[in-house]
Amino acid sequence: MDVENRSVLVVGLAKSGVAVAKLLHQLGAHVVVNDQNPKEQVALEVEELERLGISVVTGGHPLELVDACEIMVKNPGISYDRPVIARAVARGIPIFTEVEIASRVITASIIGITGSNGKTTTTTLIGEILRKDHKKVMVAGNIGTALSAVAKEVTADDLLVVELSSFQLQGTQQFHPHIAALLNIYPAHLDYHGTIENYINAKSKLFQNQTASDIAILNRDQQVCVEIANTLHSQVWWVSMEQEVALGAYLSDEWLMLATPSSTSLTSDRIPVIKVADLALRGRHNVQNALFACAVSYAAGASIAAIAKTLGAFAGVEHRMEFVREYEGVTFINDSKATNPQAALQAIQSFEEPIVGILGGLDRGDDLTPLISAVASHMKAVVVLGQSGKRMAEMAQSAGIATVLVADSLLQAVKLATEVAQPGDVVLLSPAAASWDMFASFEERGRIFKEAVHML
């Protein structure tokens, strides 16, 4: 991408903003970064950029910055209805996302992973499998390392596994993954996208530039994914927990199976990979994540042996069904990454032990109805907190939970949950809500939970 000597305004700091500003600077652009937070709140990021000679304006979004730029790069979390973005649209200034800028620099083959739930686990697992098979691989994107931070490090010989959110995908134009996987779609981020249709369209942009030489892997068990697949130009592989598929991965008699292109016949080969009982990951939802990892990794050239060995050893990622400790016979699980009801539902259904649940966070108006039956059948008590705490409490009461406690902080929530729990119980932080009402991120929420548990 030719940005040399062009004026670029990067709106929004955070990891991706810093990374794309540095990348654009390396490419010869005249970069100005703008963030609405006061300078003292982003002092480290400002210092890092100013050392490179990059100008940073904090404390708001002055519209005159837009008037002075030729190109705008928008942080994925900033919605398109913000005045600073609307000004760029009105002036005909091209607006890019960090992922789009990075992808135009990258020469490596890209594997893109998206979905409402399971992205981080599946992306990490694919990276581990490919490394086990001695592939040159990097993992980046929504998973913690901005794509721009590795854009100039990877080569044409590398594989780049990228986790992508709907925020990141919405602004893509030429982003082109050779292998693209859509794990699932459930209502999420409707406060940002406005409608479920807009959310689905954003997720679908993962496939928009694929051709017949590329591979799209989708969830055969969701009708919305079937409908998306009918519009694609790429080769379609499937993942299913419910039926055999022609190409991809599926579950059969508690075996994870691969259906692979056959070199000797018109039908696909059927290859058993690993038994469900031998997976290191816990939970039925992780069986689906493992199936996607099988299909994607095999499509990327991994051996069956590497896939099976990694699936038998990989126990998960931080903040997703993470074992913290056992204290006085009670098991504490950190599932802070459950930022929507469907993710929490999957976690709750993973346990046979009685659960004391910690629920609540940013209230985005999500439908909590799907949680009722799982809470009724798996939880003995609920501790609620955050903006959505009141609605969570009402949901728990409608599920017949007699003990519903309200906490003012996560520390208090851990204390209350511990007082209720008995030996053999599980205390599960699975908020079913985003963290931004009380915390900077779900990672911060998870760390504070773990610190509170270790203080017991």
Protein backbone atom coordinates (compact mmCIF):
# COMPACT_ATOMS: atom_id res chain seq x y z
CA MET A 1 0.00 0.00 0.00
CA ASP A 2 1.50 3.31 -1.07
CA VAL A 3 1.08 5.87 1.72
CA GLU A 4 4.46 7.55 1.39
CA ASN A 5 4.23 11.29 2.12
CA ARG A 6 0.46 11.08 2.59
CA SER A 7 -1.30 12.51 5.64
CA VAL A 8 -2.94 9.76 7.68
CA LEU A 9 -5.14 10.25 10.74
CA VAL A 10 -5.35 7.24 13.06
CA VAL A 11 -8.43 7.54 15.27
CA GLY A 12 -8.15 5.58 18.50
CA LEU A 13 -5.08 4.30 20.30
CA ALA A 14 -5.18 0.90 22.06
CA LYS A 15 -2.94 -1.89 20.75
CA SER A 16 -4.16 -1.78 17.18
CA GLY A 17 -3.95 2.01 16.94
CA VAL A 18 -0.37 2.11 18.18
CA ALA A 19 0.63 -0.77 15.91
CA VAL A 20 -0.92 0.64 12.75
CA ALA A 21 0.50 4.11 13.46
CA LYS A 22 3.99 2.62 13.70
CA LEU A 23 3.46 0.58 10.54
CA LEU A 24 2.25 3.60 8.57
CA HIS A 25 5.21 5.62 9.87
CA GLN A 26 7.56 2.90 8.62
CA LEU A 27 5.84 3.08 5.24
CA GLY A 28 6.62 6.79 5.00
CA ALA A 29 3.25 8.32 5.88
CA HIS A 30 2.82 11.54 7.84
CA VAL A 31 0.87 10.13 10.79
CA VAL A 32 -1.24 11.89 13.39
CA VAL A 33 -2.91 9.79 16.08
CA ASN A 34 -6.02 11.00 17.87
CA ASP A 35 -7.57 9.52 21.02
CA GLN A 36 -10.47 10.80 23.10
CA ASN A 37 -8.90 9.82 26.43
CA PRO A 38 -6.95 12.38 28.49
CA LYS A 39 -3.21 12.21 27.93
CA GLU A 40 -2.52 10.87 31.42
CA GLN A 41 -4.68 7.80 30.72
CA VAL A 42 -2.70 6.88 27.58
CA ALA A 43 0.67 8.29 28.62
CA LEU A 44 2.69 5.16 27.78
CA GLU A 45 1.23 4.88 24.29
CA VAL A 46 1.73 8.60 23.64
CA GLU A 47 5.35 8.43 24.77
CA GLU A 48 6.03 5.40 22.57
CA LEU A 49 4.68 7.13 19.47
CA GLU A 50 6.15 10.56 20.12
CA ARG A 51 9.61 9.00 20.46
CA LEU A 52 9.20 7.99 16.82
CA GLY A 53 8.16 11.50 15.79
CA ILE A 54 4.48 10.63 15.49
CA SER A 55 2.14 13.40 16.61
CA VAL A 56 -0.58 12.44 19.13
CA VAL A 57 -3.66 14.54 19.97
CA THR A 58 -5.62 13.44 23.06
CA GLY A 59 -8.66 14.54 25.04
CA GLY A 60 -11.28 14.52 22.28
CA HIS A 61 -11.74 14.26 18.52
CA PRO A 62 -11.21 17.72 16.99
CA LEU A 63 -12.88 17.78 13.59
CA GLU A 64 -10.15 19.96 12.13
CA LEU A 65 -7.85 16.93 12.29
CA VAL A 66 -10.12 15.25 9.76
CA ASP A 67 -9.97 18.26 7.46
CA ALA A 68 -6.17 18.01 7.36
CA CYS A 69 -5.91 14.30 6.50
CA GLU A 70 -6.00 12.37 3.23
CA ILE A 71 -6.63 8.94 4.76
CA MET A 72 -8.30 7.88 8.00
CA VAL A 73 -7.62 4.65 9.90
CA LYS A 74 -10.34 3.86 12.43
CA ASN A 75 -9.96 1.83 15.61
CA PRO A 76 -12.39 -1.13 15.26
CA GLY A 77 -14.18 -0.26 18.50
CA ILE A 78 -15.17 3.22 17.30
CA SER A 79 -18.58 3.12 15.68
CA TYR A 80 -19.23 4.64 12.28
CA ASP A 81 -21.83 7.07 13.66
CA ARG A 82 -19.26 9.07 15.66
CA PRO A 83 -18.99 12.70 14.43
CA VAL A 84 -15.29 12.33 13.66
CA ILE A 85 -16.03 9.38 11.34
CA ALA A 86 -19.10 11.05 9.82
CA ARG A 87 -16.95 14.10 8.99
CA ALA A 88 -14.53 11.91 7.03
CA VAL A 89 -17.41 10.26 5.17
CA ALA A 90 -18.90 13.66 4.31
CA ARG A 91 -15.56 14.88 2.95
CA GLY A 92 -14.99 11.71 0.90
CA ILE A 93 -11.89 10.74 2.87
CA PRO A 94 -11.19 7.00 2.54
CA ILE A 95 -11.61 5.17 5.86
CA PHE A 96 -9.63 2.01 6.56
CA THR A 97 -9.33 -0.34 9.50
CA GLU A 98 -6.09 -1.56 11.05
CA VAL A 99 -6.69 -5.07 9.68
CA GLU A 100 -7.19 -3.73 6.16
CA ILE A 101 -3.98 -1.66 6.26
CA ALA A 102 -1.96 -4.58 7.63
CA SER A 103 -3.35 -7.07 5.12
CA ARG A 104 -2.19 -4.91 2.21
CA VAL A 105 1.38 -5.17 3.49
CA ILE A 106 1.36 -8.86 4.45
CA THR A 107 2.76 -11.42 2.01
CA ALA A 108 2.07 -14.51 4.15
CA SER A 109 -0.88 -16.83 3.55
CA ILE A 110 -3.69 -15.75 5.88
CA ILE A 111 -6.02 -18.05 7.81
CA GLY A 112 -8.95 -16.00 9.13
CA ILE A 113 -11.12 -17.13 12.06
CA THR A 114 -14.33 -15.46 13.19
CA GLY A 115 -17.52 -16.33 15.05
CA SER A 116 -19.57 -15.13 17.99
CA ASN A 117 -17.96 -17.60 20.40
CA GLY A 118 -14.87 -19.79 20.44
CA LYS A 119 -12.61 -17.59 18.30
CA THR A 120 -9.69 -17.31 20.70
CA THR A 121 -9.64 -20.97 21.70
CA THR A 122 -9.89 -22.15 18.09
CA THR A 123 -7.34 -19.65 16.76
CA THR A 124 -4.85 -20.56 19.48
CA LEU A 125 -5.42 -24.27 18.92
CA ILE A 126 -4.84 -23.97 15.17
CA GLY A 127 -1.61 -22.11 15.82
CA GLU A 128 -0.46 -24.84 18.24
CA ILE A 129 -1.27 -27.61 15.75
CA LEU A 130 0.59 -25.92 12.92
CA ARG A 131 3.61 -25.30 15.15
CA LYS A 132 3.55 -28.94 16.23
CA ASP A 133 3.72 -29.81 12.53
CA HIS A 134 6.78 -27.56 12.21
CA LYS A 135 5.05 -24.94 10.12
CA LYS A 136 6.28 -21.34 10.24
CA VAL A 137 3.25 -19.74 11.86
CA MET A 138 2.24 -16.56 13.67
CA VAL A 139 -1.01 -15.90 15.53
CA ALA A 140 -2.39 -12.36 15.61
CA GLY A 141 -5.47 -10.14 15.33
CA ASN A 142 -8.18 -9.86 17.96
CA ILE A 143 -6.27 -12.35 20.08
CA GLY A 144 -3.87 -9.79 21.58
CA THR A 145 -1.18 -9.08 19.00
CA ALA A 146 -2.34 -6.52 16.46
CA LEU A 147 -2.02 -7.63 12.85
CA SER A 148 -0.05 -4.48 12.06
CA ALA A 149 2.55 -5.45 14.65
CA VAL A 150 3.55 -8.53 12.63
CA ALA A 151 2.77 -7.27 9.11
CA LYS A 152 6.41 -6.67 8.18
CA GLU A 153 7.77 -9.65 10.14
CA VAL A 154 5.98 -12.43 8.28
CA THR A 155 7.18 -13.66 4.91
CA ALA A 156 5.57 -15.40 1.97
CA ASP A 157 6.69 -18.73 3.47
CA ASP A 158 4.77 -18.17 6.72
CA LEU A 159 1.24 -18.97 7.79
CA LEU A 160 -0.61 -16.22 9.65
CA VAL A 161 -3.58 -17.31 11.79
CA VAL A 162 -5.78 -14.28 12.47
CA GLU A 163 -8.66 -13.98 14.94
CA LEU A 164 -11.16 -11.42 13.66
CA SER A 165 -14.06 -9.67 15.36
CA SER A 166 -17.10 -8.26 13.60
CA PHE A 167 -15.75 -4.78 14.39
CA GLN A 168 -12.55 -5.56 12.50
CA LEU A 169 -14.28 -7.24 9.58
CA GLN A 170 -16.88 -4.52 8.98
CA GLY A 171 -14.31 -2.13 7.55
CA THR A 172 -12.43 -4.61 5.36
CA GLN A 173 -12.23 -4.03 1.62
CA GLN A 174 -9.47 -6.17 0.08
CA PHE A 175 -8.70 -8.45 3.06
CA HIS A 176 -8.25 -11.92 1.55
CA PRO A 177 -7.70 -15.02 3.69
CA HIS A 178 -6.79 -18.20 1.80
CA ILE A 179 -8.62 -20.22 4.47
CA ALA A 180 -11.55 -18.60 6.28
CA ALA A 181 -13.63 -20.14 9.07
CA LEU A 182 -16.95 -18.96 10.53
CA LEU A 183 -17.49 -20.89 13.77
CA ASN A 184 -21.01 -19.75 14.66
CA ILE A 185 -23.31 -16.75 14.75
CA TYR A 186 -25.37 -15.68 17.75
CA PRO A 187 -26.79 -12.21 18.48
CA ALA A 188 -23.93 -10.07 19.80
CA HIS A 189 -22.66 -6.48 19.67
CA LEU A 190 -26.06 -5.22 18.53
CA ASP A 191 -25.35 -1.95 20.35
CA TYR A 192 -22.58 -1.43 17.75
CA HIS A 193 -24.11 -2.99 14.63
CA GLY A 194 -27.72 -1.95 15.22
CA THR A 195 -29.35 -5.09 13.82
CA ILE A 196 -28.59 -8.81 13.63
CA GLU A 197 -28.56 -8.46 9.84
CA ASN A 198 -25.75 -5.89 10.03
CA TYR A 199 -23.84 -8.17 12.40
CA ILE A 200 -24.20 -11.14 10.03
CA ASN A 201 -23.10 -8.99 7.09
CA ALA A 202 -19.99 -7.89 9.00
CA LYS A 203 -19.07 -11.51 9.80
CA SER A 204 -19.70 -12.52 6.17
CA LYS A 205 -17.11 -10.02 4.93
CA LEU A 206 -14.49 -12.59 5.94
CA PHE A 207 -15.29 -14.38 2.67
CA GLN A 208 -15.93 -11.45 0.33
CA ASN A 209 -12.63 -11.63 -1.58
CA GLN A 210 -12.19 -15.39 -1.68
CA THR A 211 -12.01 -17.17 -5.04
CA ALA A 212 -12.36 -20.76 -6.22
CA SER A 213 -8.80 -21.51 -5.09
CA ASP A 214 -9.62 -20.57 -1.46
CA ILE A 215 -11.37 -22.57 1.26
CA ALA A 216 -14.32 -21.44 3.41
CA ILE A 217 -15.18 -23.55 6.46
CA LEU A 218 -18.57 -22.99 8.09
CA ASN A 219 -20.91 -24.43 10.72
CA ARG A 220 -23.25 -26.91 9.00
CA ASP A 221 -25.51 -26.99 12.06
CA GLN A 222 -26.56 -23.34 11.76
CA GLN A 223 -28.96 -22.34 8.98
CA VAL A 224 -27.51 -18.83 8.86
CA CYS A 225 -24.12 -20.32 7.94
CA VAL A 226 -25.72 -22.49 5.25
CA GLU A 227 -27.30 -19.40 3.75
CA ILE A 228 -23.97 -17.56 3.79
CA ALA A 229 -22.25 -20.54 2.14
CA ASN A 230 -24.73 -20.43 -0.75
CA THR A 231 -23.37 -17.00 -1.71
CA LEU A 232 -19.66 -17.89 -1.70
CA HIS A 233 -17.23 -18.32 -4.61
CA SER A 234 -14.72 -20.40 -2.61
CA GLN A 235 -14.57 -24.14 -1.92
CA VAL A 236 -16.91 -24.85 1.00
CA TRP A 237 -15.95 -27.23 3.79
CA TRP A 238 -18.23 -27.92 6.73
CA VAL A 239 -18.03 -28.64 10.43
CA SER A 240 -20.90 -30.49 12.10
CA MET A 241 -21.71 -31.97 15.48
CA GLU A 242 -24.88 -33.53 14.06
CA GLN A 243 -24.20 -35.08 10.64
CA GLU A 244 -21.54 -36.34 8.28
CA VAL A 245 -20.17 -33.80 5.83
CA ALA A 246 -18.71 -34.20 2.36
CA LEU A 247 -15.57 -32.17 3.17
CA GLY A 248 -14.46 -30.88 6.57
CA ALA A 249 -14.85 -32.32 10.06
CA TYR A 250 -17.70 -33.92 11.95
CA LEU A 251 -18.59 -35.92 15.05
CA SER A 252 -19.44 -39.61 14.73
CA ASP A 253 -19.87 -42.04 17.65
CA GLU A 254 -17.85 -39.68 19.88
CA TRP A 255 -14.96 -39.59 17.40
CA LEU A 256 -13.73 -36.41 15.72
CA MET A 257 -13.63 -37.31 12.04
CA LEU A 258 -12.09 -35.62 9.01
CA ALA A 259 -13.65 -35.84 5.56
CA THR A 260 -10.77 -35.05 3.21
CA PRO A 261 -10.43 -34.77 -0.56
CA SER A 262 -9.62 -38.19 -2.00
CA SER A 263 -6.85 -38.64 -4.53
CA THR A 264 -8.20 -42.02 -5.69
CA SER A 265 -11.98 -41.58 -5.92
CA LEU A 266 -14.78 -39.06 -6.32
CA THR A 267 -15.81 -39.49 -2.69
CA SER A 268 -13.93 -38.07 0.28
CA ASP A 269 -11.76 -40.09 2.64
CA ARG A 270 -13.03 -40.55 6.22
CA ILE A 271 -10.25 -40.31 8.81
CA PRO A 272 -10.73 -40.74 12.60
CA VAL A 273 -8.64 -38.17 14.47
CA ILE A 274 -9.30 -38.45 18.20
CA LYS A 275 -12.01 -39.55 20.63
CA VAL A 276 -13.96 -36.87 22.49
CA ALA A 277 -12.90 -38.52 25.76
CA ASP A 278 -9.24 -37.93 24.86
CA LEU A 279 -9.60 -34.19 24.25
CA ALA A 280 -7.80 -32.06 26.84
CA LEU A 281 -10.39 -29.29 26.45
CA ARG A 282 -13.47 -29.50 28.62
CA GLY A 283 -17.03 -28.83 27.46
CA ARG A 284 -19.25 -29.78 24.53
CA HIS A 285 -18.71 -26.40 22.88
CA ASN A 286 -14.99 -27.18 22.78
CA VAL A 287 -15.71 -30.31 20.76
CA GLN A 288 -16.97 -28.00 18.03
CA ASN A 289 -13.91 -25.75 18.45
CA ALA A 290 -11.69 -28.82 18.11
CA LEU A 291 -13.55 -29.91 14.96
CA PHE A 292 -12.94 -26.51 13.39
CA ALA A 293 -9.27 -26.74 14.38
CA CYS A 294 -9.11 -30.16 12.68
CA ALA A 295 -10.63 -28.88 9.44
CA VAL A 296 -8.66 -25.63 9.26
CA SER A 297 -5.34 -27.19 10.21
CA TYR A 298 -5.73 -30.04 7.74
CA ALA A 299 -6.66 -27.57 4.99
CA ALA A 300 -3.48 -25.65 5.88
CA GLY A 301 -1.36 -28.80 5.46
CA ALA A 302 -1.08 -30.21 9.00
CA SER A 303 -0.70 -33.93 9.50
CA ILE A 304 -3.31 -36.07 11.26
CA ALA A 305 -0.68 -37.01 13.84
CA ALA A 306 0.04 -33.37 14.71
CA ILE A 307 -3.67 -32.59 14.96
CA ALA A 308 -4.41 -35.55 17.25
CA LYS A 309 -1.37 -34.98 19.47
CA THR A 310 -2.17 -31.29 19.99
CA LEU A 311 -5.86 -31.89 20.66
CA GLY A 312 -4.91 -34.42 23.31
CA ALA A 313 -2.65 -31.93 25.10
CA PHE A 314 -4.12 -28.44 24.61
CA ALA A 315 -6.06 -27.51 27.76
CA GLY A 316 -7.29 -24.06 26.76
CA VAL A 317 -6.56 -20.34 26.92
CA GLU A 318 -6.53 -17.81 29.73
CA HIS A 319 -9.94 -16.45 30.77
CA ARG A 320 -11.87 -19.19 28.92
CA MET A 321 -12.94 -22.03 31.22
CA GLU A 322 -9.64 -21.54 33.04
CA PHE A 323 -9.06 -23.52 36.22
CA VAL A 324 -7.86 -21.11 38.92
CA ARG A 325 -7.58 -23.21 42.09
CA GLU A 326 -9.37 -25.53 44.47
CA TYR A 327 -10.02 -24.04 47.89
CA GLU A 328 -11.61 -26.02 50.72
CA GLY A 329 -13.08 -28.47 48.23
CA VAL A 330 -14.52 -25.76 45.95
CA THR A 331 -13.27 -25.40 42.35
CA PHE A 332 -12.90 -21.87 40.97
CA ILE A 333 -13.20 -21.34 37.19
CA ASN A 334 -12.40 -18.11 35.31
CA ASP A 335 -14.57 -17.76 32.23
CA SER A 336 -14.33 -13.97 31.96
CA LYS A 337 -14.26 -14.24 28.17
CA ALA A 338 -17.94 -15.24 28.22
CA THR A 339 -19.09 -11.79 27.15
CA ASN A 340 -22.51 -12.84 25.84
CA PRO A 341 -25.28 -15.20 27.02
CA GLN A 342 -24.48 -17.96 24.50
CA ALA A 343 -20.86 -18.19 25.67
CA ALA A 344 -21.97 -18.37 29.30
CA LEU A 345 -24.57 -21.00 28.41
CA GLN A 346 -21.88 -23.23 26.93
CA ALA A 347 -19.76 -22.87 30.05
CA ILE A 348 -22.63 -23.58 32.44
CA GLN A 349 -23.61 -26.71 30.54
CA SER A 350 -20.05 -28.05 30.81
CA PHE A 351 -20.39 -28.88 34.51
CA GLU A 352 -22.12 -31.71 36.29
CA GLU A 353 -21.17 -30.27 39.69
CA PRO A 354 -23.44 -27.70 41.40
CA ILE A 355 -22.49 -24.17 40.32
CA VAL A 356 -22.38 -20.89 42.20
CA GLY A 357 -22.40 -18.48 39.28
CA ILE A 358 -21.07 -14.93 39.07
CA LEU A 359 -23.01 -13.10 36.37
CA GLY A 360 -23.33 -9.56 35.05
CA GLY A 361 -21.48 -6.73 33.37
CA LEU A 362 -22.16 -4.18 30.66
CA ASP A 363 -25.86 -4.23 29.77
CA ARG A 364 -26.23 -4.34 26.00
CA GLY A 365 -29.81 -5.51 26.13
CA ASP A 366 -28.99 -9.12 25.21
CA ASP A 367 -31.83 -11.63 25.46
CA LEU A 368 -31.20 -13.63 28.65
CA THR A 369 -34.00 -16.13 28.06
CA PRO A 370 -31.65 -18.88 26.73
CA LEU A 371 -29.87 -18.90 30.11
CA ILE A 372 -32.95 -19.72 32.19
CA SER A 373 -33.09 -23.48 31.73
CA ALA A 374 -29.31 -23.92 32.12
CA VAL A 375 -29.25 -21.79 35.27
CA ALA A 376 -32.24 -23.72 36.66
CA SER A 377 -30.63 -27.12 36.07
CA HIS A 378 -26.98 -26.34 36.89
CA MET A 379 -26.81 -23.50 39.44
CA LYS A 380 -27.55 -23.57 43.16
CA ALA A 381 -26.88 -19.85 43.70
CA VAL A 382 -26.10 -16.73 41.68
CA VAL A 383 -24.10 -13.61 42.52
CA VAL A 384 -24.77 -10.65 40.23
CA LEU A 385 -22.91 -7.40 39.61
CA GLY A 386 -22.53 -4.64 37.04
CA GLN A 387 -24.99 -2.80 34.82
CA SER A 388 -26.85 -5.94 33.85
CA GLY A 389 -26.92 -7.25 37.44
CA LYS A 390 -30.59 -6.39 37.99
CA ARG A 391 -31.67 -8.20 34.81
CA MET A 392 -29.42 -11.15 35.67
CA ALA A 393 -31.01 -11.35 39.11
CA GLU A 394 -34.50 -11.31 37.60
CA MET A 395 -33.46 -14.07 35.15
CA ALA A 396 -32.03 -16.19 37.98
CA GLN A 397 -35.18 -15.74 40.07
CA SER A 398 -37.35 -16.75 37.09
CA ALA A 399 -35.17 -19.88 36.88
CA GLY A 400 -36.14 -20.72 40.44
CA ILE A 401 -32.81 -19.88 42.08
CA ALA A 402 -33.54 -19.17 45.75
CA THR A 403 -30.16 -17.63 46.58
CA VAL A 404 -29.49 -14.54 44.44
CA LEU A 405 -26.95 -12.13 45.89
CA VAL A 406 -25.91 -8.66 44.71
CA ALA A 407 -22.25 -7.57 44.79
CA ASP A 408 -20.83 -4.08 44.40
CA SER A 409 -17.47 -5.35 43.16
CA LEU A 410 -15.87 -8.49 41.80
CA LEU A 411 -13.93 -8.90 45.03
CA GLN A 412 -17.18 -8.90 46.97
CA ALA A 413 -18.72 -11.28 44.44
CA VAL A 414 -15.93 -13.80 45.03
CA LYS A 415 -16.38 -13.45 48.80
CA LEU A 416 -20.15 -13.97 48.60
CA ALA A 417 -19.82 -16.92 46.23
CA THR A 418 -17.26 -18.56 48.51
CA GLU A 419 -19.56 -18.20 51.51
CA VAL A 420 -22.38 -19.96 49.67
CA ALA A 421 -20.31 -22.70 48.03
CA GLN A 422 -19.77 -26.10 49.66
CA PRO A 423 -17.13 -28.79 48.99
CA GLY A 424 -17.77 -30.33 45.57
CA ASP A 425 -19.26 -27.12 44.13
CA VAL A 426 -17.88 -24.94 41.34
CA VAL A 427 -17.65 -21.16 41.58
CA LEU A 428 -17.91 -20.03 37.97
CA LEU A 429 -17.21 -16.50 36.73
CA SER A 430 -19.03 -16.56 33.40
CA PRO A 431 -20.57 -13.08 33.22
CA ALA A 432 -22.66 -13.41 30.03
CA ALA A 433 -21.83 -9.73 29.48
CA ALA A 434 -19.00 -7.47 28.36
CA SER A 435 -16.69 -5.99 30.96
CA TRP A 436 -16.55 -2.30 30.04
CA ASP A 437 -18.94 -1.06 32.72
CA MET A 438 -16.43 -1.89 35.47
CA PHE A 439 -13.19 -2.98 33.77
CA ALA A 440 -10.94 -2.01 30.88
CA SER A 441 -11.30 -5.47 29.31
CA PHE A 442 -12.39 -9.03 29.98
CA GLU A 443 -8.71 -9.78 30.60
CA GLU A 444 -8.60 -7.28 33.47
CA ARG A 445 -11.82 -8.74 34.88
CA GLY A 446 -10.36 -12.23 34.72
CA ARG A 447 -7.10 -11.19 36.36
CA ILE A 448 -8.91 -9.49 39.23
CA PHE A 449 -11.08 -12.59 39.71
CA LYS A 450 -8.00 -14.80 39.89
CA GLU A 451 -6.28 -12.44 42.31
CA ALA A 452 -9.37 -12.46 44.54
CA VAL A 453 -9.52 -16.25 44.47
CA HIS A 454 -5.84 -16.59 45.37
CA MET A 455 -6.36 -14.20 48.30
CA LEU A 456 -8.87 -16.59 49.94
